Amino acid sequence: YIYMYRLTIILLVYFQVVSNLSAQVKHNFIWPLGRDKINNQLDATLLSFHSPILEIDSIDLEIDMVLGAAVLSDTSGRLLFYTDGCRIANADHEIMAGSDSLNYPGLKFELDCINNEVGYSFFQGLLALPFPQNEHLYVLFQLYSPSRFRTDDPEQILYSIIDMREENGKGKVIVKNRLLWQAKFADRITAVRHGNGR
């Protein structure tokens, strides 16, 4: 009897874990990385985790994904957009409507986004997440420094909202650079799933 009880518990746990793994969303299955062009040669890579074997392709990125970056795919793992903190590119690697001048204004924006074009240089200063209870909206959290000095720590968390129904499914920024929180921050931002699964 004890053997059957243990076997039943083990099988229940196994099937629960397997069903949870197969039902997980795939918001992080595509990773564009690197610079668009170095010496007129492509130096950007697209990593795809759709299959058990990692797929690696060279691509022509619209923006450099070198420093701070965020990427989001839909629940099936299809790339939706990626950002360097200055602008957002859609899945077709075109600048998304309304996405220019993320984290604007400020000296940091001018130095990182206009003069240098490497992206807004907080190492983990961007976070893209699906909007709760809406499969078409996504929120981008941005660490921001309004300071006059490039090396200052972020002092604000801004957010922008992307609607993927706009522009024939290519997406559009419908809310941009709104203040969420003001304080001193390290240059990293992350998220965890709540205990209730949302």
C-alpha atoms as a PDB file:
ATOM      1  CA  TYR A   1       0.000   0.000   0.000  1.00  0.00           C
ATOM      2  CA  ILE A   2       2.775   2.471   0.904  1.00  0.00           C
ATOM      3  CA  TYR A   3       4.583   1.668  -2.356  1.00  0.00           C
ATOM      4  CA  MET A   4       1.461   2.428  -4.442  1.00  0.00           C
ATOM      5  CA  TYR A   5       0.860   5.626  -2.459  1.00  0.00           C
ATOM      6  CA  ARG A   6       4.422   6.852  -3.094  1.00  0.00           C
ATOM      7  CA  LEU A   7       4.218   5.888  -6.768  1.00  0.00           C
ATOM      8  CA  THR A   8       0.929   7.764  -7.124  1.00  0.00           C
ATOM      9  CA  ILE A   9       2.385  10.891  -5.476  1.00  0.00           C
ATOM     10  CA  ILE A  10       5.505  10.739  -7.660  1.00  0.00           C
ATOM     11  CA  LEU A  11       3.411  10.352 -10.837  1.00  0.00           C
ATOM     12  CA  LEU A  12       1.098  13.209  -9.843  1.00  0.00           C
ATOM     13  CA  VAL A  13       4.060  15.509  -9.182  1.00  0.00           C
ATOM     14  CA  TYR A  14       5.692  14.431 -12.457  1.00  0.00           C
ATOM     15  CA  PHE A  15       2.586  15.128 -14.552  1.00  0.00           C
ATOM     16  CA  GLN A  16       2.013  18.441 -12.787  1.00  0.00           C
ATOM     17  CA  VAL A  17       5.572  19.553 -13.550  1.00  0.00           C
ATOM     18  CA  VAL A  18       5.385  18.368 -17.173  1.00  0.00           C
ATOM     19  CA  SER A  19       2.036  20.082 -17.751  1.00  0.00           C
ATOM     20  CA  ASN A  20       3.337  23.315 -16.194  1.00  0.00           C
ATOM     21  CA  LEU A  21       6.430  23.240 -18.396  1.00  0.00           C
ATOM     22  CA  SER A  22       4.460  22.624 -21.565  1.00  0.00           C
ATOM     23  CA  ALA A  23       1.954  25.357 -20.692  1.00  0.00           C
ATOM     24  CA  GLN A  24       4.569  28.016 -19.993  1.00  0.00           C
ATOM     25  CA  VAL A  25       4.487  31.070 -22.159  1.00  0.00           C
ATOM     26  CA  LYS A  26       7.460  31.783 -24.366  1.00  0.00           C
ATOM     27  CA  HIS A  27       7.999  35.512 -23.917  1.00  0.00           C
ATOM     28  CA  ASN A  28      11.789  35.039 -23.836  1.00  0.00           C
ATOM     29  CA  PHE A  29      12.324  32.561 -26.709  1.00  0.00           C
ATOM     30  CA  ILE A  30      14.005  35.039 -29.113  1.00  0.00           C
ATOM     31  CA  TRP A  31      17.126  37.071 -28.296  1.00  0.00           C
ATOM     32  CA  PRO A  32      18.564  39.617 -30.753  1.00  0.00           C
ATOM     33  CA  LEU A  33      22.116  40.511 -29.700  1.00  0.00           C
ATOM     34  CA  GLY A  34      25.027  42.597 -30.937  1.00  0.00           C
ATOM     35  CA  ARG A  35      25.662  45.558 -33.177  1.00  0.00           C
ATOM     36  CA  ASP A  36      24.008  46.241 -36.488  1.00  0.00           C
ATOM     37  CA  LYS A  37      27.179  46.771 -38.512  1.00  0.00           C
ATOM     38  CA  ILE A  38      30.861  46.869 -37.697  1.00  0.00           C
ATOM     39  CA  ASN A  39      33.116  47.739 -40.632  1.00  0.00           C
ATOM     40  CA  ASN A  40      30.094  47.293 -42.959  1.00  0.00           C
ATOM     41  CA  GLN A  41      29.673  43.659 -41.924  1.00  0.00           C
ATOM     42  CA  LEU A  42      26.759  42.196 -40.000  1.00  0.00           C
ATOM     43  CA  ASP A  43      27.713  41.505 -36.421  1.00  0.00           C
ATOM     44  CA  ALA A  44      24.269  40.896 -34.938  1.00  0.00           C
ATOM     45  CA  THR A  45      22.920  37.532 -33.924  1.00  0.00           C
ATOM     46  CA  LEU A  46      19.425  36.185 -33.389  1.00  0.00           C
ATOM     47  CA  LEU A  47      19.178  33.336 -30.873  1.00  0.00           C
ATOM     48  CA  SER A  48      16.040  31.195 -30.979  1.00  0.00           C
ATOM     49  CA  PHE A  49      15.135  28.767 -28.206  1.00  0.00           C
ATOM     50  CA  HIS A  50      12.078  27.272 -29.948  1.00  0.00           C
ATOM     51  CA  SER A  51      13.556  23.817 -30.349  1.00  0.00           C
ATOM     52  CA  PRO A  52      15.807  21.744 -28.078  1.00  0.00           C
ATOM     53  CA  ILE A  53      18.742  22.735 -30.303  1.00  0.00           C
ATOM     54  CA  LEU A  54      19.652  26.428 -30.111  1.00  0.00           C
ATOM     55  CA  GLU A  55      19.218  28.178 -33.482  1.00  0.00           C
ATOM     56  CA  ILE A  56      21.704  30.981 -34.269  1.00  0.00           C
ATOM     57  CA  ASP A  57      21.321  33.339 -37.236  1.00  0.00           C
ATOM     58  CA  SER A  58      23.138  36.468 -38.390  1.00  0.00           C
ATOM     59  CA  ILE A  59      20.684  39.306 -38.887  1.00  0.00           C
ATOM     60  CA  ASP A  60      20.497  42.974 -39.791  1.00  0.00           C
ATOM     61  CA  LEU A  61      19.266  44.759 -36.656  1.00  0.00           C
ATOM     62  CA  GLU A  62      17.723  48.212 -36.817  1.00  0.00           C
ATOM     63  CA  ILE A  63      19.245  49.123 -33.427  1.00  0.00           C
ATOM     64  CA  ASP A  64      22.298  47.952 -31.529  1.00  0.00           C
ATOM     65  CA  MET A  65      21.639  45.501 -28.706  1.00  0.00           C
ATOM     66  CA  VAL A  66      24.866  45.983 -26.777  1.00  0.00           C
ATOM     67  CA  LEU A  67      24.309  47.589 -23.378  1.00  0.00           C
ATOM     68  CA  GLY A  68      20.886  47.854 -21.778  1.00  0.00           C
ATOM     69  CA  ALA A  69      18.290  45.962 -23.786  1.00  0.00           C
ATOM     70  CA  ALA A  70      14.862  44.379 -23.498  1.00  0.00           C
ATOM     71  CA  VAL A  71      13.172  41.849 -25.784  1.00  0.00           C
ATOM     72  CA  LEU A  72       9.654  40.431 -25.740  1.00  0.00           C
ATOM     73  CA  SER A  73       7.926  37.690 -27.695  1.00  0.00           C
ATOM     74  CA  ASP A  74       4.281  36.667 -27.637  1.00  0.00           C
ATOM     75  CA  THR A  75       3.027  33.579 -25.774  1.00  0.00           C
ATOM     76  CA  SER A  76       3.969  31.300 -28.687  1.00  0.00           C
ATOM     77  CA  GLY A  77       7.526  32.667 -28.852  1.00  0.00           C
ATOM     78  CA  ARG A  78       7.108  34.924 -31.924  1.00  0.00           C
ATOM     79  CA  LEU A  79       9.272  38.048 -31.619  1.00  0.00           C
ATOM     80  CA  LEU A  80       7.222  41.192 -30.976  1.00  0.00           C
ATOM     81  CA  PHE A  81       9.793  43.918 -30.270  1.00  0.00           C
ATOM     82  CA  TYR A  82      13.180  44.775 -28.825  1.00  0.00           C
ATOM     83  CA  THR A  83      14.667  48.001 -27.485  1.00  0.00           C
ATOM     84  CA  ASP A  84      17.985  49.598 -26.614  1.00  0.00           C
ATOM     85  CA  GLY A  85      16.339  52.170 -24.329  1.00  0.00           C
ATOM     86  CA  CYS A  86      16.409  54.911 -26.977  1.00  0.00           C
ATOM     87  CA  ARG A  87      13.886  53.474 -29.431  1.00  0.00           C
ATOM     88  CA  ILE A  88      11.972  50.224 -30.069  1.00  0.00           C
ATOM     89  CA  ALA A  89      12.225  47.961 -33.126  1.00  0.00           C
ATOM     90  CA  ASN A  90       9.384  45.635 -34.134  1.00  0.00           C
ATOM     91  CA  ALA A  91       9.638  42.029 -35.336  1.00  0.00           C
ATOM     92  CA  ASP A  92      10.405  43.261 -38.870  1.00  0.00           C
ATOM     93  CA  HIS A  93      13.421  45.162 -37.431  1.00  0.00           C
ATOM     94  CA  GLU A  94      11.830  48.548 -38.185  1.00  0.00           C
ATOM     95  CA  ILE A  95      11.589  51.413 -35.693  1.00  0.00           C
ATOM     96  CA  MET A  96       8.180  51.123 -34.033  1.00  0.00           C
ATOM     97  CA  ALA A  97       5.767  54.035 -34.410  1.00  0.00           C
ATOM     98  CA  GLY A  98       5.953  56.470 -31.494  1.00  0.00           C
ATOM     99  CA  SER A  99       9.037  54.829 -29.991  1.00  0.00           C
ATOM    100  CA  ASP A 100      11.689  57.396 -30.794  1.00  0.00           C
ATOM    101  CA  SER A 101      13.040  59.372 -27.837  1.00  0.00           C
ATOM    102  CA  LEU A 102      12.549  56.829 -25.071  1.00  0.00           C
ATOM    103  CA  ASN A 103      14.223  58.190 -21.927  1.00  0.00           C
ATOM    104  CA  TYR A 104      14.283  61.702 -23.401  1.00  0.00           C
ATOM    105  CA  PRO A 105      15.380  64.421 -22.465  1.00  0.00           C
ATOM    106  CA  GLY A 106      18.746  64.589 -20.744  1.00  0.00           C
ATOM    107  CA  LEU A 107      22.476  64.560 -21.300  1.00  0.00           C
ATOM    108  CA  LYS A 108      22.551  60.767 -20.954  1.00  0.00           C
ATOM    109  CA  PHE A 109      20.038  60.476 -23.820  1.00  0.00           C
ATOM    110  CA  GLU A 110      22.064  62.855 -25.971  1.00  0.00           C
ATOM    111  CA  LEU A 111      25.353  61.049 -25.293  1.00  0.00           C
ATOM    112  CA  ASP A 112      24.052  57.469 -25.495  1.00  0.00           C
ATOM    113  CA  CYS A 113      21.266  57.692 -28.059  1.00  0.00           C
ATOM    114  CA  ILE A 114      22.201  60.519 -30.409  1.00  0.00           C
ATOM    115  CA  ASN A 115      25.987  60.849 -30.344  1.00  0.00           C
ATOM    116  CA  ASN A 116      27.063  57.302 -29.564  1.00  0.00           C
ATOM    117  CA  GLU A 117      24.036  55.248 -30.660  1.00  0.00           C
ATOM    118  CA  VAL A 118      24.875  52.262 -28.453  1.00  0.00           C
ATOM    119  CA  GLY A 119      21.680  52.469 -26.466  1.00  0.00           C
ATOM    120  CA  TYR A 120      20.791  53.888 -23.089  1.00  0.00           C
ATOM    121  CA  SER A 121      23.725  52.711 -21.024  1.00  0.00           C
ATOM    122  CA  PHE A 122      22.253  51.233 -17.869  1.00  0.00           C
ATOM    123  CA  PHE A 123      23.298  47.588 -17.941  1.00  0.00           C
ATOM    124  CA  GLN A 124      19.952  46.179 -16.848  1.00  0.00           C
ATOM    125  CA  GLY A 125      17.841  49.303 -17.025  1.00  0.00           C
ATOM    126  CA  LEU A 126      14.963  48.003 -19.170  1.00  0.00           C
ATOM    127  CA  LEU A 127      12.241  45.458 -18.547  1.00  0.00           C
ATOM    128  CA  ALA A 128       9.420  44.507 -20.947  1.00  0.00           C
ATOM    129  CA  LEU A 129       6.402  42.598 -19.640  1.00  0.00           C
ATOM    130  CA  PRO A 130       2.946  41.637 -20.882  1.00  0.00           C
ATOM    131  CA  PHE A 131       0.248  43.951 -19.557  1.00  0.00           C
ATOM    132  CA  PRO A 132      -1.951  42.127 -17.027  1.00  0.00           C
ATOM    133  CA  GLN A 133      -5.277  40.897 -18.383  1.00  0.00           C
ATOM    134  CA  ASN A 134      -4.652  42.147 -21.934  1.00  0.00           C
ATOM    135  CA  GLU A 135      -2.954  40.110 -24.643  1.00  0.00           C
ATOM    136  CA  HIS A 136      -2.304  43.089 -26.936  1.00  0.00           C
ATOM    137  CA  LEU A 137      -0.682  45.524 -24.511  1.00  0.00           C
ATOM    138  CA  TYR A 138       2.868  45.410 -23.177  1.00  0.00           C
ATOM    139  CA  VAL A 139       4.642  47.645 -20.682  1.00  0.00           C
ATOM    140  CA  LEU A 140       8.267  48.730 -20.852  1.00  0.00           C
ATOM    141  CA  PHE A 141       9.860  49.852 -17.578  1.00  0.00           C
ATOM    142  CA  GLN A 142      12.857  52.174 -18.015  1.00  0.00           C
ATOM    143  CA  LEU A 143      15.406  53.371 -15.486  1.00  0.00           C
ATOM    144  CA  TYR A 144      16.006  57.051 -16.182  1.00  0.00           C
ATOM    145  CA  SER A 145      18.569  59.647 -15.198  1.00  0.00           C
ATOM    146  CA  PRO A 146      17.522  63.264 -15.689  1.00  0.00           C
ATOM    147  CA  SER A 147      20.959  64.295 -14.462  1.00  0.00           C
ATOM    148  CA  ARG A 148      23.424  66.376 -16.369  1.00  0.00           C
ATOM    149  CA  PHE A 149      26.139  63.788 -15.788  1.00  0.00           C
ATOM    150  CA  ARG A 150      26.358  60.586 -17.783  1.00  0.00           C
ATOM    151  CA  THR A 151      27.660  58.484 -14.905  1.00  0.00           C
ATOM    152  CA  ASP A 152      24.924  59.312 -12.391  1.00  0.00           C
ATOM    153  CA  ASP A 153      22.724  56.530 -11.082  1.00  0.00           C
ATOM    154  CA  PRO A 154      19.110  56.414 -12.225  1.00  0.00           C
ATOM    155  CA  GLU A 155      16.703  58.536 -10.226  1.00  0.00           C
ATOM    156  CA  GLN A 156      13.385  57.508 -11.759  1.00  0.00           C
ATOM    157  CA  ILE A 157      11.499  54.543 -13.128  1.00  0.00           C
ATOM    158  CA  LEU A 158       9.521  55.470 -16.224  1.00  0.00           C
ATOM    159  CA  TYR A 159       7.087  53.300 -18.140  1.00  0.00           C
ATOM    160  CA  SER A 160       5.837  53.153 -21.698  1.00  0.00           C
ATOM    161  CA  ILE A 161       2.933  51.094 -23.069  1.00  0.00           C
ATOM    162  CA  ILE A 162       3.015  49.309 -26.429  1.00  0.00           C
ATOM    163  CA  ASP A 163      -0.178  48.268 -28.243  1.00  0.00           C
ATOM    164  CA  MET A 164       0.565  45.454 -30.704  1.00  0.00           C
ATOM    165  CA  ARG A 165      -2.812  45.864 -32.476  1.00  0.00           C
ATOM    166  CA  GLU A 166      -1.643  49.184 -33.914  1.00  0.00           C
ATOM    167  CA  GLU A 167       0.122  49.651 -37.271  1.00  0.00           C
ATOM    168  CA  ASN A 168      -1.245  46.389 -38.735  1.00  0.00           C
ATOM    169  CA  GLY A 169       0.185  44.278 -35.915  1.00  0.00           C
ATOM    170  CA  LYS A 170       3.638  45.900 -35.926  1.00  0.00           C
ATOM    171  CA  GLY A 171       2.881  47.793 -32.724  1.00  0.00           C
ATOM    172  CA  LYS A 172       2.893  51.394 -31.579  1.00  0.00           C
ATOM    173  CA  VAL A 173       3.920  53.152 -28.380  1.00  0.00           C
ATOM    174  CA  ILE A 174       0.687  54.670 -27.041  1.00  0.00           C
ATOM    175  CA  VAL A 175       2.068  55.953 -23.703  1.00  0.00           C
ATOM    176  CA  LYS A 176       5.689  57.075 -23.406  1.00  0.00           C
ATOM    177  CA  ASN A 177       8.091  58.035 -20.607  1.00  0.00           C
ATOM    178  CA  ARG A 178       5.531  58.308 -17.789  1.00  0.00           C
ATOM    179  CA  LEU A 179       6.902  58.629 -14.258  1.00  0.00           C
ATOM    180  CA  LEU A 180       6.220  55.592 -12.073  1.00  0.00           C
ATOM    181  CA  TRP A 181       8.618  56.081  -9.149  1.00  0.00           C
ATOM    182  CA  GLN A 182      11.234  58.588  -8.079  1.00  0.00           C
ATOM    183  CA  ALA A 183      14.200  57.632  -5.859  1.00  0.00           C
ATOM    184  CA  LYS A 184      17.881  56.646  -6.211  1.00  0.00           C
ATOM    185  CA  PHE A 185      18.310  53.246  -7.892  1.00  0.00           C
ATOM    186  CA  ALA A 186      21.094  50.913  -8.922  1.00  0.00           C
ATOM    187  CA  ASP A 187      21.264  50.440 -12.699  1.00  0.00           C
ATOM    188  CA  ARG A 188      19.409  47.114 -12.639  1.00  0.00           C
ATOM    189  CA  ILE A 189      15.733  46.246 -12.793  1.00  0.00           C
ATOM    190  CA  THR A 190      14.087  42.829 -12.774  1.00  0.00           C
ATOM    191  CA  ALA A 191      10.751  41.123 -12.105  1.00  0.00           C
ATOM    192  CA  VAL A 192       9.500  37.886 -10.588  1.00  0.00           C
ATOM    193  CA  ARG A 193       6.173  36.147 -10.966  1.00  0.00           C
ATOM    194  CA  HIS A 194       3.807  36.650  -8.019  1.00  0.00           C
ATOM    195  CA  GLY A 195       2.940  33.648  -5.864  1.00  0.00           C
ATOM    196  CA  ASN A 196      -0.581  33.650  -7.346  1.00  0.00           C
ATOM    197  CA  GLY A 197       0.896  32.867 -10.787  1.00  0.00           C
ATOM    198  CA  ARG A 198       0.272  36.288 -12.323  1.00  0.00           C
END
